[in-house]
């Protein structure tokens, strides 16, 4: 009898722990029009991971029970092979979406949320920005040799690229797609209007039914088609309900804003859906810089545009001119000598990167600049390491992990830019991850060093969220230290390609990166 009571008490305690852990349940998982919608009984927080072997998207939901009575085998789409649900630790639920093809799914639903909406996104190449599995990077211990003078010479370790993990279970057979209706509660764009201030400035006002964090950037890839793009992640646009109005504060008149007057800065407002989210495009007749403001109630996004000879892309931040403008981690030493720096020559092996008009390969240019920079840093007393020293293939996500394992203070990835839409663009750009302030300052310093030393056009610094809003660059995402990606020049531009093929220019670029790094660390340039 006592044993029965003990077992009963244990089961009650276990049930209480389970209820404490899992406060939400999956109520439905449906697919409609290619979009997968997952609904929960109460708001949940979640984390998204991307794995490559096999190609899958893993959503870890906190304090959630496995779906009951939901036939996961019937959930299928052209981009989705199968769905599996696995219980995790501490009441977590792991939803594994096995992908079909090289899609880059996008996940919508700002935590805590009652539902998650996943769209297939665009098809990507094998060189992806998606999160790879955490590789086991084998790095030999750093050998040290002591010379007769007593000075310690630190040698480069041999970096071994990670081996792909073994594939997991086979996906389920192809069943029929669920036909249950799916509804969404995504914010809607309710109205648009452009308020001109004068011929060279104005404000684009976007009203919504719910709060959205916008992503705004300026595009000048086509000199005859300058535009400011406003992406509204998670929002939808219905052109039948949008009121396009141009409000003039001076006259109080309201006219259709799709075609503003020619003498104004704005020429046209266009709307549409891009990768499952609302997009608003303001066509302008001059290069502009902009500033963005948001308000939660009523939800509104305001984009103020002003004609400028130096347009901004996010907007661009001017390079720091004084030491107090530089943001550094508190643990970062303030002298270059003795610093550990990891240099990453982008691409390599089967990943050739971009190719110039004459056949110049980006991977070769990146490696040459990186080797020159390594020599300069070593001469300056820096403990410099390379993610590759020859033409080998290393996944982009594994490179910052190497820097983490080496305890690097700074990570610098070297690349060449390319724009397949036009070969007119020239100059240097430097990217940093999302909105990290320390990496942003490092990018500004290195951008200044390269453009001033090598003489390239300064195209500014940019967050990698411009290219990949939700994940950023794989080459920067996992870095635990200030990290940047330098796009030295446009290899598909004939003039920039000639520069990149010149050893003297590549030497000046390496010197410029060193000068920028010195500015960031010591607050001065040579």
Protein backbone atom coordinates (compact mmCIF):
# COMPACT_ATOMS: atom_id res chain seq x y z
CA UNK A 1 0.00 0.00 0.00
CA UNK A 2 2.84 2.35 0.88
CA UNK A 3 4.51 1.61 -2.45
CA UNK A 4 1.30 2.52 -4.28
CA UNK A 5 1.08 5.81 -2.37
CA UNK A 6 4.70 6.63 -3.14
CA UNK A 7 4.19 5.92 -6.84
CA UNK A 8 1.06 8.07 -6.84
CA UNK A 9 2.86 10.97 -5.15
CA UNK A 10 5.71 10.66 -7.65
CA UNK A 11 3.29 10.76 -10.60
CA UNK A 12 1.55 13.85 -9.17
CA UNK A 13 4.89 15.60 -8.72
CA UNK A 14 5.92 14.65 -12.25
CA UNK A 15 2.64 15.99 -13.62
CA UNK A 16 3.11 19.27 -11.74
CA UNK A 17 6.64 19.65 -13.11
CA UNK A 18 5.38 18.94 -16.61
CA UNK A 19 2.62 21.52 -16.27
CA UNK A 20 5.08 24.05 -14.85
CA UNK A 21 7.39 23.50 -17.79
CA UNK A 22 4.85 23.28 -20.59
CA UNK A 23 2.39 26.15 -20.31
CA UNK A 24 1.39 26.12 -24.01
CA UNK A 25 0.39 23.53 -26.57
CA UNK A 26 0.44 23.41 -30.35
CA UNK A 27 -3.18 23.73 -31.45
CA UNK A 28 -2.74 23.50 -35.23
CA UNK A 29 -0.14 23.26 -38.00
CA UNK A 30 -1.50 24.10 -41.43
CA UNK A 31 -0.25 24.94 -44.90
CA UNK A 32 -2.08 27.26 -47.25
CA UNK A 33 -0.70 28.95 -50.38
CA UNK A 34 2.75 27.58 -49.55
CA UNK A 35 2.87 29.24 -46.09
CA UNK A 36 3.15 27.14 -42.93
CA UNK A 37 1.24 28.47 -39.91
CA UNK A 38 1.83 27.07 -36.40
CA UNK A 39 -0.66 28.16 -33.71
CA UNK A 40 -0.31 27.86 -29.94
CA UNK A 41 -2.77 27.91 -27.08
CA UNK A 42 -0.92 30.81 -25.44
CA UNK A 43 1.96 33.16 -26.38
CA UNK A 44 5.35 31.44 -26.63
CA UNK A 45 8.99 32.37 -27.10
CA UNK A 46 11.08 30.46 -29.59
CA UNK A 47 14.49 30.20 -31.25
CA UNK A 48 15.19 29.31 -34.88
CA UNK A 49 18.22 27.35 -36.11
CA UNK A 50 19.22 26.27 -39.61
CA UNK A 51 21.06 23.00 -40.15
CA UNK A 52 22.53 21.64 -43.36
CA UNK A 53 22.94 17.90 -43.00
CA UNK A 54 20.14 17.14 -43.62
CA UNK A 55 18.80 20.52 -44.72
CA UNK A 56 16.35 21.49 -42.01
CA UNK A 57 14.92 24.38 -40.02
CA UNK A 58 14.67 23.72 -36.28
CA UNK A 59 12.30 25.79 -34.12
CA UNK A 60 12.83 25.37 -30.38
CA UNK A 61 9.72 26.54 -28.50
CA UNK A 62 10.03 27.29 -24.79
CA UNK A 63 7.58 25.66 -22.35
CA UNK A 64 5.46 23.94 -24.96
CA UNK A 65 3.90 20.51 -25.28
CA UNK A 66 4.05 18.32 -28.36
CA UNK A 67 1.06 18.57 -30.70
CA UNK A 68 -1.74 16.16 -29.88
CA UNK A 69 -4.01 14.79 -32.59
CA UNK A 70 -2.15 16.61 -35.38
CA UNK A 71 -1.06 14.43 -38.29
CA UNK A 72 2.43 15.78 -38.99
CA UNK A 73 2.79 13.33 -41.87
CA UNK A 74 0.15 15.26 -43.84
CA UNK A 75 2.03 18.58 -43.64
CA UNK A 76 3.92 19.01 -46.87
CA UNK A 77 4.70 21.64 -49.51
CA UNK A 78 7.00 21.98 -52.53
CA UNK A 79 9.65 23.47 -50.22
CA UNK A 80 8.85 21.29 -47.20
CA UNK A 81 9.64 17.57 -47.14
CA UNK A 82 8.28 16.71 -43.69
CA UNK A 83 7.75 17.96 -40.13
CA UNK A 84 8.74 16.19 -36.92
CA UNK A 85 8.19 17.14 -33.28
CA UNK A 86 10.62 16.11 -30.54
CA UNK A 87 10.37 16.94 -26.82
CA UNK A 88 13.40 18.81 -25.52
CA UNK A 89 14.76 19.54 -22.05
CA UNK A 90 12.97 21.68 -19.46
CA UNK A 91 9.69 21.47 -21.32
CA UNK A 92 11.01 22.65 -24.68
CA UNK A 93 9.52 21.47 -27.97
CA UNK A 94 11.71 21.01 -31.04
CA UNK A 95 9.89 21.28 -34.36
CA UNK A 96 12.10 20.04 -37.19
CA UNK A 97 11.17 21.13 -40.71
CA UNK A 98 13.02 19.06 -43.32
CA UNK A 99 13.47 21.26 -46.37
CA UNK A 100 13.19 20.27 -50.00
CA UNK A 101 15.70 22.14 -52.15
CA UNK A 102 17.86 25.19 -51.49
CA UNK A 103 15.14 27.41 -50.01
CA UNK A 104 15.83 30.08 -47.41
CA UNK A 105 12.66 30.05 -45.24
CA UNK A 106 11.69 33.15 -43.32
CA UNK A 107 9.97 32.99 -39.94
CA UNK A 108 7.49 35.65 -38.81
CA UNK A 109 6.06 36.16 -35.36
CA UNK A 110 7.61 38.52 -32.80
CA UNK A 111 7.94 36.59 -29.49
CA UNK A 112 5.93 36.14 -27.39
CA UNK A 113 3.40 35.18 -30.04
CA UNK A 114 0.38 32.91 -30.48
CA UNK A 115 1.39 31.88 -33.98
CA UNK A 116 4.44 31.48 -36.19
CA UNK A 117 4.20 31.94 -39.95
CA UNK A 118 6.92 30.43 -42.17
CA UNK A 119 7.26 31.21 -45.87
CA UNK A 120 9.61 29.40 -48.27
CA UNK A 121 11.63 32.51 -49.15
CA UNK A 122 13.88 32.62 -52.16
CA UNK A 123 16.06 29.83 -53.47
CA UNK A 124 19.65 30.25 -52.39
CA UNK A 125 22.97 28.95 -53.63
CA UNK A 126 25.13 26.56 -51.66
CA UNK A 127 27.13 29.52 -50.34
CA UNK A 128 24.42 30.58 -47.95
CA UNK A 129 23.93 32.97 -45.07
CA UNK A 130 21.79 30.45 -43.23
CA UNK A 131 22.93 29.15 -39.85
CA UNK A 132 25.07 26.03 -40.31
CA UNK A 133 25.33 23.30 -37.69
CA UNK A 134 27.81 23.99 -34.93
CA UNK A 135 30.93 22.33 -36.33
CA UNK A 136 33.62 20.72 -34.28
CA UNK A 137 36.57 22.76 -35.52
CA UNK A 138 39.80 20.98 -34.75
CA UNK A 139 42.52 23.48 -33.97
CA UNK A 140 45.88 22.34 -32.76
CA UNK A 141 47.29 24.07 -29.67
CA UNK A 142 49.25 27.18 -30.45
CA UNK A 143 52.93 26.19 -30.55
CA UNK A 144 55.44 28.51 -28.96
CA UNK A 145 59.15 28.66 -29.61
CA UNK A 146 61.62 30.63 -27.60
CA UNK A 147 64.54 32.18 -29.42
CA UNK A 148 68.02 32.65 -27.97
CA UNK A 149 67.13 36.22 -27.11
CA UNK A 150 64.32 34.97 -24.90
CA UNK A 151 61.57 36.39 -27.13
CA UNK A 152 58.62 34.10 -27.73
CA UNK A 153 57.74 33.49 -31.36
CA UNK A 154 54.12 32.48 -31.85
CA UNK A 155 53.39 30.35 -34.90
CA UNK A 156 50.14 29.92 -36.81
CA UNK A 157 48.06 26.89 -35.86
CA UNK A 158 46.81 24.54 -38.54
CA UNK A 159 43.09 25.08 -38.96
CA UNK A 160 41.11 22.04 -40.08
CA UNK A 161 37.72 22.70 -41.72
CA UNK A 162 34.78 20.91 -40.10
CA UNK A 163 33.53 17.65 -41.56
CA UNK A 164 29.82 17.56 -42.37
CA UNK A 165 27.80 15.60 -39.80
CA UNK A 166 26.07 12.43 -40.82
CA UNK A 167 22.56 12.68 -42.15
CA UNK A 168 19.71 11.93 -39.77
CA UNK A 169 16.60 9.91 -40.48
CA UNK A 170 14.99 9.67 -43.87
CA UNK A 171 12.08 12.08 -44.41
CA UNK A 172 8.58 10.70 -44.38
CA UNK A 173 6.81 9.60 -47.59
CA UNK A 174 4.91 12.31 -49.45
CA UNK A 175 1.33 12.52 -48.17
CA UNK A 176 -1.37 14.93 -49.22
CA UNK A 177 -1.30 18.57 -48.13
CA UNK A 178 -3.64 19.64 -45.36
CA UNK A 179 -6.54 21.67 -46.67
CA UNK A 180 -7.56 23.29 -43.37
CA UNK A 181 -7.87 27.07 -43.70
CA UNK A 182 -5.16 29.23 -42.19
CA UNK A 183 -5.71 32.74 -40.93
CA UNK A 184 -3.05 35.27 -40.05
CA UNK A 185 -2.98 38.22 -37.71
CA UNK A 186 -0.27 40.17 -39.47
CA UNK A 187 -0.16 43.98 -39.45
CA UNK A 188 -1.65 45.64 -42.50
CA UNK A 189 -0.50 48.80 -44.28
CA UNK A 190 -3.56 51.04 -43.96
CA UNK A 191 -2.43 54.26 -45.65
CA UNK A 192 0.54 55.94 -47.34
CA UNK A 193 1.29 59.57 -48.00
CA UNK A 194 4.24 61.73 -48.92
CA UNK A 195 4.44 65.18 -47.31
CA UNK A 196 6.82 67.46 -49.22
CA UNK A 197 8.73 70.02 -47.17
CA UNK A 198 10.34 71.66 -50.18
CA UNK A 199 11.76 70.58 -53.52
CA UNK A 200 14.68 68.79 -51.83
CA UNK A 201 13.08 67.14 -48.81
CA UNK A 202 9.92 65.51 -47.53
CA UNK A 203 8.51 62.74 -45.34
CA UNK A 204 7.02 59.39 -46.30
CA UNK A 205 4.33 58.40 -43.76
CA UNK A 206 3.25 54.76 -43.49
CA UNK A 207 0.30 53.93 -41.23
CA UNK A 208 -0.24 50.34 -40.11
CA UNK A 209 -2.69 48.29 -38.10
CA UNK A 210 0.08 46.92 -35.88
CA UNK A 211 3.60 47.77 -34.78
CA UNK A 212 6.41 46.79 -37.18
CA UNK A 213 10.16 47.25 -37.01
CA UNK A 214 11.04 48.60 -40.47
CA UNK A 215 14.15 48.00 -42.55
CA UNK A 216 14.98 51.01 -44.70
CA UNK A 217 17.75 51.37 -47.29
CA UNK A 218 18.66 53.45 -50.30
CA UNK A 219 19.33 51.82 -53.69
CA UNK A 220 21.46 53.44 -56.38
CA UNK A 221 22.30 50.32 -58.39
CA UNK A 222 20.55 51.92 -61.38
CA UNK A 223 21.52 55.62 -61.73
CA UNK A 224 18.30 56.21 -63.66
CA UNK A 225 16.15 54.65 -60.95
CA UNK A 226 17.04 55.96 -57.50
CA UNK A 227 14.79 54.75 -54.71
CA UNK A 228 14.28 54.43 -50.98
CA UNK A 229 13.00 51.00 -49.98
CA UNK A 230 11.00 50.36 -46.80
CA UNK A 231 10.56 46.69 -45.89
CA UNK A 232 8.00 45.92 -43.17
CA UNK A 233 8.77 42.40 -41.85
CA UNK A 234 5.65 40.44 -41.00
CA UNK A 235 3.27 43.04 -42.48
CA UNK A 236 1.05 42.69 -45.53
CA UNK A 237 -0.11 45.20 -48.09
CA UNK A 238 -3.47 45.20 -49.83
CA UNK A 239 -3.51 47.73 -52.62
CA UNK A 240 -7.31 47.82 -52.64
CA UNK A 241 -7.43 49.25 -49.12
CA UNK A 242 -4.42 51.58 -49.24
CA UNK A 243 -5.10 55.27 -49.61
CA UNK A 244 -2.24 56.83 -51.51
CA UNK A 245 -2.38 60.48 -50.54
CA UNK A 246 -0.04 63.39 -50.88
CA UNK A 247 -0.79 65.95 -48.17
CA UNK A 248 0.45 69.47 -48.63
CA UNK A 249 0.71 71.30 -45.32
CA UNK A 250 0.81 74.66 -47.08
CA UNK A 251 -2.46 74.30 -48.99
CA UNK A 252 -4.14 71.53 -47.02
CA UNK A 253 -4.97 69.76 -50.27
CA UNK A 254 -4.92 66.01 -50.74
CA UNK A 255 -4.07 64.53 -54.12
CA UNK A 256 -3.12 61.04 -55.28
CA UNK A 257 0.48 60.42 -54.26
CA UNK A 258 1.37 57.73 -56.77
CA UNK A 259 2.71 60.46 -59.09
CA UNK A 260 3.97 63.51 -57.14
CA UNK A 261 4.74 66.65 -59.05
CA UNK A 262 7.95 66.56 -61.08
CA UNK A 263 9.54 69.47 -59.24
CA UNK A 264 9.41 67.55 -55.97
CA UNK A 265 12.08 65.20 -54.70
CA UNK A 266 9.71 62.19 -54.77
CA UNK A 267 8.50 60.94 -58.11
CA UNK A 268 6.32 57.95 -57.22
CA UNK A 269 5.24 55.61 -54.42
CA UNK A 270 4.99 51.89 -55.18
CA UNK A 271 3.81 49.02 -53.01
CA UNK A 272 3.98 45.26 -53.14
CA UNK A 273 4.97 42.07 -51.33
CA UNK A 274 8.62 40.95 -51.17
CA UNK A 275 9.56 37.58 -49.67
CA UNK A 276 6.25 37.46 -47.81
CA UNK A 277 6.44 40.98 -46.32
CA UNK A 278 5.10 44.37 -47.30
CA UNK A 279 7.44 46.61 -49.27
CA UNK A 280 7.01 50.33 -49.95
CA UNK A 281 9.27 51.99 -52.54
CA UNK A 282 9.70 55.75 -52.86
CA UNK A 283 11.19 56.67 -56.25
CA UNK A 284 13.29 59.85 -56.05
CA UNK A 285 14.94 61.98 -58.70
CA UNK A 286 18.09 62.80 -56.69
CA UNK A 287 20.46 60.93 -54.36
CA UNK A 288 19.14 61.17 -50.80
CA UNK A 289 19.98 60.52 -47.21
CA UNK A 290 17.25 59.58 -44.79
CA UNK A 291 16.24 59.15 -41.16
CA UNK A 292 13.61 56.82 -39.77
CA UNK A 293 11.21 57.19 -36.84
CA UNK A 294 8.58 54.76 -35.55
CA UNK A 295 5.71 55.21 -33.13
CA UNK A 296 3.77 52.35 -31.50
CA UNK A 297 0.34 53.98 -31.19
CA UNK A 298 -1.09 54.63 -33.59
CA UNK A 299 1.46 52.44 -35.44
CA UNK A 300 3.34 54.57 -37.95
CA UNK A 301 6.68 54.60 -39.76
CA UNK A 302 8.07 57.99 -40.83
CA UNK A 303 10.93 58.22 -43.30
CA UNK A 304 12.37 61.70 -43.80
CA UNK A 305 14.34 62.04 -47.04
CA UNK A 306 16.67 64.89 -47.99
CA UNK A 307 18.64 65.39 -51.19
CA UNK A 308 22.34 64.85 -50.56
CA UNK A 309 25.51 64.40 -52.59
CA UNK A 310 26.53 61.64 -50.16
CA UNK A 311 23.50 59.35 -49.93
CA UNK A 312 23.12 56.88 -47.13
CA UNK A 313 22.34 53.21 -47.24
CA UNK A 314 21.07 52.50 -43.72
CA UNK A 315 21.80 55.49 -43.00
CA UNK A 316 25.58 55.41 -43.10
CA UNK A 317 27.53 56.57 -40.10
CA UNK A 318 30.50 58.90 -40.59
CA UNK A 319 33.83 57.36 -39.63
CA UNK A 320 34.91 58.32 -36.12
CA UNK A 321 37.23 61.29 -36.10
CA UNK A 322 37.89 61.31 -32.37
CA UNK A 323 38.74 58.64 -29.86
CA UNK A 324 35.58 59.15 -27.81
CA UNK A 325 33.46 58.27 -30.86
CA UNK A 326 34.87 54.72 -30.96
CA UNK A 327 32.94 52.01 -29.09
CA UNK A 328 35.14 49.18 -27.81
CA UNK A 329 34.48 46.17 -25.59
CA UNK A 330 35.58 46.84 -21.99
CA UNK A 331 37.96 43.87 -22.10
CA UNK A 332 39.81 45.02 -25.23
CA UNK A 333 43.43 46.01 -24.67
CA UNK A 334 44.40 49.44 -25.96
CA UNK A 335 47.60 48.55 -27.76
CA UNK A 336 48.11 46.70 -31.02
CA UNK A 337 51.15 44.72 -29.90
CA UNK A 338 50.17 41.37 -28.39
CA UNK A 339 46.63 41.52 -29.77
CA UNK A 340 45.15 38.35 -31.29
CA UNK A 341 43.57 38.97 -34.68
CA UNK A 342 42.01 36.43 -37.03
CA UNK A 343 42.03 37.27 -40.75
CA UNK A 344 39.53 35.50 -42.97
CA UNK A 345 40.22 35.33 -46.74
CA UNK A 346 36.68 34.93 -48.04
CA UNK A 347 35.65 31.96 -50.20
CA UNK A 348 38.29 29.43 -51.33
CA UNK A 349 38.33 25.97 -52.85
CA UNK A 350 35.04 25.18 -54.57
CA UNK A 351 33.66 28.55 -53.44
CA UNK A 352 35.27 30.76 -56.09
CA UNK A 353 33.30 33.88 -55.19
CA UNK A 354 32.74 36.54 -57.83
CA UNK A 355 34.62 36.54 -61.13
CA UNK A 356 35.90 39.66 -62.92
CA UNK A 357 35.47 40.43 -66.64
CA UNK A 358 38.99 39.18 -67.39
CA UNK A 359 38.55 36.05 -65.26
CA UNK A 360 40.09 37.33 -62.02
CA UNK A 361 38.83 35.16 -59.14
CA UNK A 362 37.68 36.75 -55.91
CA UNK A 363 39.02 33.90 -53.77
CA UNK A 364 42.57 34.53 -55.09
CA UNK A 365 42.41 38.28 -54.46
CA UNK A 366 41.04 37.74 -50.95
CA UNK A 367 43.85 35.34 -50.04
CA UNK A 368 46.57 37.61 -51.42
CA UNK A 369 45.35 40.63 -49.43
CA UNK A 370 44.96 38.48 -46.31
CA UNK A 371 48.53 37.17 -46.56
CA UNK A 372 49.86 40.69 -46.98
CA UNK A 373 47.84 41.87 -43.98
CA UNK A 374 49.10 38.91 -41.96
CA UNK A 375 52.70 39.93 -42.65
CA UNK A 376 52.03 43.55 -41.69
CA UNK A 377 50.27 42.56 -38.46
CA UNK A 378 53.05 40.14 -37.53
CA UNK A 379 55.65 42.88 -38.03
CA UNK A 380 53.58 45.11 -35.73
CA UNK A 381 53.71 42.50 -32.96
CA UNK A 382 50.17 41.17 -33.46
CA UNK A 383 49.32 37.49 -32.97
CA UNK A 384 47.78 37.11 -36.43
CA UNK A 385 46.06 33.95 -37.67
CA UNK A 386 44.44 33.00 -40.96
CA UNK A 387 41.31 30.88 -41.42
CA UNK A 388 42.97 29.50 -44.57
CA UNK A 389 46.45 29.79 -46.01
CA UNK A 390 45.76 28.12 -49.36
CA UNK A 391 42.92 27.29 -51.74
CA UNK A 392 40.69 25.14 -49.53
CA UNK A 393 36.94 25.07 -48.97
CA UNK A 394 35.71 26.20 -45.54
CA UNK A 395 32.07 26.94 -44.75
CA UNK A 396 31.36 30.60 -43.98
CA UNK A 397 29.80 29.78 -40.61
CA UNK A 398 32.90 27.87 -39.45
CA UNK A 399 35.23 30.85 -39.86
CA UNK A 400 34.09 33.00 -36.90
CA UNK A 401 33.98 29.85 -34.79
CA UNK A 402 37.70 29.46 -35.45
CA UNK A 403 38.21 33.00 -34.16
CA UNK A 404 36.16 32.21 -31.05
CA UNK A 405 38.28 29.16 -30.28
CA UNK A 406 41.47 31.17 -30.69
CA UNK A 407 40.19 33.84 -28.29
CA UNK A 408 40.62 36.54 -30.93
CA UNK A 409 40.05 40.17 -30.04
CA UNK A 410 39.14 41.14 -33.63
CA UNK A 411 37.87 39.21 -36.67
CA UNK A 412 38.33 40.64 -40.19
CA UNK A 413 36.83 38.93 -43.25
CA UNK A 414 38.14 40.08 -46.64
CA UNK A 415 35.97 39.95 -49.77
CA UNK A 416 35.43 41.58 -53.17
CA UNK A 417 32.07 43.06 -54.09
CA UNK A 418 30.02 42.35 -57.21
CA UNK A 419 26.69 43.49 -58.58
CA UNK A 420 25.32 41.38 -61.44
CA UNK A 421 22.73 44.08 -62.27
CA UNK A 422 25.34 46.66 -63.24
CA UNK A 423 29.11 47.03 -63.65
CA UNK A 424 29.11 50.76 -62.93
CA UNK A 425 29.48 50.55 -59.16
CA UNK A 426 32.92 51.12 -57.67
CA UNK A 427 34.43 51.51 -54.24
CA UNK A 428 34.77 50.01 -50.78
CA UNK A 429 32.05 48.96 -48.34
CA UNK A 430 32.47 47.47 -44.87
CA UNK A 431 29.76 45.42 -43.17
CA UNK A 432 29.13 44.70 -39.50
CA UNK A 433 26.64 42.29 -37.89
CA UNK A 434 23.13 43.60 -37.22
CA UNK A 435 23.41 46.62 -34.87
CA UNK A 436 26.43 45.66 -32.77
CA UNK A 437 28.03 48.95 -31.67
CA UNK A 438 31.58 47.61 -31.25
CA UNK A 439 31.60 46.00 -34.69
CA UNK A 440 30.05 49.13 -36.13
CA UNK A 441 32.91 51.25 -34.80
CA UNK A 442 35.47 48.75 -36.10
CA UNK A 443 33.81 48.87 -39.53
CA UNK A 444 33.95 52.68 -39.56
CA UNK A 445 37.65 52.70 -38.65
CA UNK A 446 38.64 50.09 -41.23
CA UNK A 447 36.48 51.72 -43.90
CA UNK A 448 38.30 54.97 -43.27
CA UNK A 449 41.70 53.28 -43.30
CA UNK A 450 41.13 51.47 -46.60
CA UNK A 451 39.57 54.36 -48.51
CA UNK A 452 42.17 56.88 -47.37
CA UNK A 453 45.16 54.58 -47.87
CA UNK A 454 44.11 52.77 -51.05
CA UNK A 455 42.24 55.72 -52.54
CA UNK A 456 39.00 53.86 -53.28
CA UNK A 457 35.57 55.45 -53.35
CA UNK A 458 34.00 55.46 -49.89
CA UNK A 459 30.62 53.69 -50.17
CA UNK A 460 30.21 53.66 -46.41
CA UNK A 461 29.55 51.10 -43.72
CA UNK A 462 26.44 48.94 -43.63
CA UNK A 463 24.74 46.44 -41.37
CA UNK A 464 24.54 42.94 -42.83
CA UNK A 465 20.81 43.09 -42.01
CA UNK A 466 20.44 45.03 -45.26
CA UNK A 467 21.32 41.85 -47.14
CA UNK A 468 19.82 39.29 -44.74
CA UNK A 469 17.35 41.00 -42.36
CA UNK A 470 16.86 38.12 -39.95
CA UNK A 471 20.23 36.42 -39.85
CA UNK A 472 22.99 38.64 -41.22
CA UNK A 473 26.14 37.19 -42.74
CA UNK A 474 27.13 33.68 -41.67
CA UNK A 475 30.75 34.89 -41.71
CA UNK A 476 29.94 37.39 -38.93
CA UNK A 477 26.96 35.96 -37.06
CA UNK A 478 28.75 33.69 -34.58
CA UNK A 479 31.69 35.98 -33.80
CA UNK A 480 32.14 36.70 -30.09
CA UNK A 481 34.35 39.72 -30.73
CA UNK A 482 34.17 42.86 -32.91
CA UNK A 483 33.93 41.49 -36.45
CA UNK A 484 33.65 43.06 -39.90
CA UNK A 485 33.49 42.02 -43.53
CA UNK A 486 35.41 44.29 -45.92
CA UNK A 487 34.21 44.47 -49.54
CA UNK A 488 37.44 45.92 -50.97
CA UNK A 489 36.16 46.83 -54.46
CA UNK A 490 33.75 45.70 -57.19
CA UNK A 491 35.48 42.91 -59.07
CA UNK A 492 32.83 42.98 -61.84
CA UNK A 493 33.68 46.63 -62.56
CA UNK A 494 36.49 46.70 -65.19
CA UNK A 495 38.33 49.59 -63.51
CA UNK A 496 38.09 48.13 -60.01
CA UNK A 497 39.17 44.74 -61.39
CA UNK A 498 42.35 46.32 -62.76
CA UNK A 499 43.06 47.69 -59.30
CA UNK A 500 42.42 44.35 -57.63
CA UNK A 501 44.80 42.66 -60.07
CA UNK A 502 47.56 45.13 -59.13
CA UNK A 503 49.86 43.82 -56.33
CA UNK A 504 50.67 47.38 -55.26
CA UNK A 505 46.99 48.16 -54.79
CA UNK A 506 46.46 44.99 -52.75
CA UNK A 507 49.39 46.03 -50.57
CA UNK A 508 47.81 49.46 -50.01
CA UNK A 509 44.55 47.77 -49.06
CA UNK A 510 46.35 45.65 -46.47
CA UNK A 511 48.07 48.75 -45.12
CA UNK A 512 44.71 50.52 -44.97
CA UNK A 513 43.16 47.71 -42.94
CA UNK A 514 46.12 47.89 -40.55
CA UNK A 515 45.69 51.66 -40.24
CA UNK A 516 41.99 51.24 -39.54
CA UNK A 517 42.67 48.56 -36.94
CA UNK A 518 45.24 50.79 -35.27
CA UNK A 519 42.70 53.61 -35.19
CA UNK A 520 40.16 51.33 -33.55
CA UNK A 521 42.56 49.87 -30.96
CA UNK A 522 44.80 52.81 -30.15
CA UNK A 523 42.74 55.73 -31.34
CA UNK A 524 45.32 56.95 -33.84
CA UNK A 525 46.51 56.42 -37.39
CA UNK A 526 50.03 56.29 -38.72
